[in-house]
Protein backbone atom coordinates (compact mmCIF):
# COMPACT_ATOMS: atom_id res chain seq x y z
CA MET A 1 -0.12 -0.02 -0.15
CA ASN A 2 2.72 2.54 0.13
CA PHE A 3 3.41 2.34 -3.37
CA VAL A 4 0.23 4.21 -3.84
CA MET A 5 1.33 7.81 -3.33
CA PRO A 6 4.75 7.45 -5.48
CA ALA A 7 2.70 6.10 -7.98
CA PHE A 8 -0.30 8.62 -8.17
CA ALA A 9 2.39 11.68 -8.04
CA ALA A 10 4.89 9.77 -11.12
CA ALA A 11 1.30 8.84 -13.06
CA ILE A 12 0.68 13.18 -13.23
CA ILE A 13 4.16 13.74 -13.48
CA LEU A 14 3.82 11.32 -16.85
CA PHE A 15 0.54 12.72 -17.75
CA ALA A 16 1.90 16.03 -17.50
CA PHE A 17 5.46 14.91 -19.70
CA ILE A 18 2.85 13.24 -22.47
CA ARG A 19 1.00 16.46 -22.50
CA ARG A 20 4.71 19.03 -23.07
CA VAL A 21 3.29 20.82 -19.62
CA PRO A 22 6.16 21.90 -17.87
CA VAL A 23 5.94 19.89 -14.55
CA PHE A 24 8.33 22.25 -12.72
CA ASP A 25 7.29 25.59 -13.52
CA VAL A 26 3.89 24.73 -13.04
CA PHE A 27 5.24 23.32 -9.16
CA LEU A 28 6.90 26.29 -8.90
CA GLU A 29 4.10 28.45 -9.91
CA GLY A 30 1.51 26.78 -7.25
CA VAL A 31 4.07 27.16 -4.39
CA ARG A 32 4.32 30.93 -5.14
CA GLU A 33 0.79 31.10 -5.44
CA GLY A 34 -0.06 28.88 -2.16
CA ALA A 35 3.03 31.02 -0.15
CA GLN A 36 1.23 34.07 -1.24
CA THR A 37 -2.10 32.94 0.51
CA LEU A 38 -0.82 31.85 3.73
CA LEU A 39 0.87 35.34 4.10
CA GLN A 40 -2.38 36.75 2.96
CA ILE A 41 -4.61 34.30 6.11
CA ALA A 42 -1.38 34.07 8.82
CA PRO A 43 -2.64 37.66 10.10
CA THR A 44 -6.12 36.20 10.82
CA LEU A 45 -5.48 32.91 11.38
CA LEU A 46 -2.83 34.37 14.33
CA GLY A 47 -5.39 36.62 15.51
CA LEU A 48 -7.81 33.63 16.17
CA VAL A 49 -5.31 30.97 17.89
CA PHE A 50 -4.53 34.00 19.82
CA ALA A 51 -7.81 34.59 20.88
CA VAL A 52 -8.65 31.45 21.55
CA SER A 53 -5.58 31.06 23.81
CA LEU A 54 -6.45 34.50 25.31
CA LEU A 55 -9.82 33.15 26.71
CA ARG A 56 -8.77 29.81 28.04
CA ALA A 57 -5.97 31.01 30.58
CA SER A 58 -7.80 33.62 31.36
CA GLY A 59 -10.76 30.74 32.22
CA ALA A 60 -13.67 32.41 30.32
CA ILE A 61 -14.74 29.42 28.41
CA GLU A 62 -15.56 27.58 32.10
CA VAL A 63 -17.31 30.49 33.62
CA LEU A 64 -19.14 30.96 30.49
CA CYS A 65 -20.21 27.21 30.78
CA ARG A 66 -20.25 27.31 34.08
CA LEU A 67 -23.13 30.55 33.15
CA LEU A 68 -24.64 27.95 30.72
CA SER A 69 -25.21 24.66 32.27
CA PRO A 70 -28.30 26.07 33.87
CA VAL A 71 -29.46 26.66 30.68
CA ALA A 72 -28.01 23.46 28.75
CA ASP A 73 -30.15 21.13 31.60
CA ALA A 74 -33.49 22.91 30.74
CA VAL A 75 -33.49 22.14 27.80
CA GLY A 76 -32.34 18.73 27.80
CA PHE A 77 -28.34 19.00 26.85
CA PRO A 78 -25.75 17.23 28.63
CA ALA A 79 -23.67 19.24 31.18
CA GLU A 80 -20.47 17.67 30.66
CA VAL A 81 -20.38 18.99 26.23
CA VAL A 82 -21.42 22.29 27.02
CA PRO A 83 -17.80 22.97 27.23
CA MET A 84 -17.20 21.27 24.25
CA ALA A 85 -20.56 22.42 22.27
CA MET A 86 -19.03 26.28 23.21
CA LEU A 87 -14.78 25.14 21.38
CA ARG A 88 -16.20 23.57 18.77
CA PRO A 89 -16.90 26.35 17.00
CA VAL A 90 -13.30 27.58 17.86
CA SER A 91 -10.64 24.69 17.32
CA GLY A 92 -11.25 21.01 15.93
CA GLY A 93 -8.86 19.86 18.18
CA GLY A 94 -8.96 21.42 21.28
CA SER A 95 -12.78 19.89 21.29
CA THR A 96 -11.72 16.48 20.26
CA ALA A 97 -10.42 16.70 23.37
CA LEU A 98 -12.99 17.64 24.93
CA LEU A 99 -14.82 14.79 23.31
CA VAL A 100 -11.98 12.20 24.29
CA SER A 101 -12.65 13.64 27.63
CA VAL A 102 -16.11 13.07 27.72
CA PHE A 103 -15.97 9.69 26.57
CA GLU A 104 -13.42 8.51 29.23
CA GLU A 105 -15.61 10.84 32.24
CA ASN A 106 -19.17 9.06 31.22
CA GLY A 107 -18.14 6.73 28.80
CA PRO A 108 -19.12 6.62 24.76
CA ASP A 109 -22.55 4.71 25.31
CA SER A 110 -23.04 7.43 27.77
CA PHE A 111 -25.93 9.95 27.01
CA ALA A 112 -22.60 12.73 27.08
CA GLY A 113 -20.89 9.97 25.19
CA ARG A 114 -23.89 9.93 22.31
CA VAL A 115 -24.92 13.41 22.11
CA ALA A 116 -20.72 14.25 22.10
CA SER A 117 -20.25 12.37 19.09
CA VAL A 118 -23.14 13.45 17.05
CA LEU A 119 -22.26 17.57 17.81
CA ALA A 120 -18.86 16.60 16.78
CA GLY A 121 -19.88 15.02 13.24
CA SER A 122 -22.61 17.46 13.00
CA SER A 123 -20.69 20.56 13.86
CA GLU A 124 -18.31 22.45 12.07
CA THR A 125 -15.48 25.16 13.49
CA THR A 126 -17.33 27.47 12.35
CA PHE A 127 -14.87 31.04 13.44
CA PHE A 128 -11.03 28.78 11.69
CA ALA A 129 -14.05 28.04 8.75
CA VAL A 130 -14.67 31.79 8.16
CA THR A 131 -10.81 32.76 8.96
CA MET A 132 -9.96 30.63 6.75
CA TYR A 133 -11.63 30.98 3.75
CA TYR A 134 -12.37 34.55 3.64
CA GLY A 135 -9.02 35.29 4.58
CA SER A 136 -7.53 33.22 1.86
CA VAL A 137 -9.63 35.15 -1.02
CA GLY A 138 -9.60 39.00 1.15
CA VAL A 139 -13.11 39.09 1.87
CA ARG A 140 -13.53 42.04 4.80
CA ASN A 141 -17.66 42.18 4.92
CA ILE A 142 -18.61 38.08 5.67
CA ARG A 143 -22.48 40.02 6.29
CA HIS A 144 -24.85 36.91 7.46
CA THR A 145 -22.28 34.38 7.15
CA LEU A 146 -21.23 34.00 10.76
CA LEU A 147 -24.90 34.83 12.55
CA ALA A 148 -26.17 31.53 9.85
CA ALA A 149 -23.35 29.34 10.68
CA VAL A 150 -23.83 30.08 15.20
CA ALA A 151 -27.53 29.41 14.46
CA ALA A 152 -26.25 25.97 12.42
CA ASP A 153 -23.92 25.38 15.35
CA LEU A 154 -26.88 26.07 18.08
CA THR A 155 -29.20 23.92 15.66
CA ALA A 156 -26.66 21.14 15.48
CA MET A 157 -26.47 21.72 19.65
CA VAL A 158 -29.78 21.11 20.31
CA MET A 159 -30.58 18.55 17.72
CA SER A 160 -27.98 16.58 19.08
CA ALA A 161 -29.26 15.96 22.24
CA VAL A 162 -33.22 15.48 20.61
CA LEU A 163 -31.96 12.56 18.35
CA VAL A 164 -30.04 10.91 20.94
CA ARG A 165 -32.81 10.77 22.72
CA THR A 166 -35.02 10.06 20.29
CA PHE A 167 -32.52 6.69 19.28
CA PHE A 168 -31.44 5.77 21.96
CA SER A 169 -33.76 6.44 24.83
């Protein structure tokens, strides 16, 4: 199975030679465009990483989770999953770590574990995606994108609990 990627690369290069495409020149042009894109999105991406680090280090996420726990209980959303739900729109890696934590503390087949699984599979790292996609093409006015994306995240939160309760109760 280790031969698949080298074989794929060789097939592309062979096809390019047959079509008389200057392979190395096209490769260098792609690298230049990629580097320019990286330079365009780097400040925004660094700002997002800084904001997430600041919120984690300050304890703001924990305070917000404690404030939202009664609301989560009232709508039937497990309090153990609230931190993951708060972090999911911002950080995929951080929310995955919290998903594993929910599994370790409650078990993957518990109500909280199932809700966390459905939420992880049905939600997006909204702020990261908006930052990357809009930042890479230079869009400054995101208009209604953020509101719609946050509404989708909230819908994923509510529906994950509703669907797990419906199908596993």
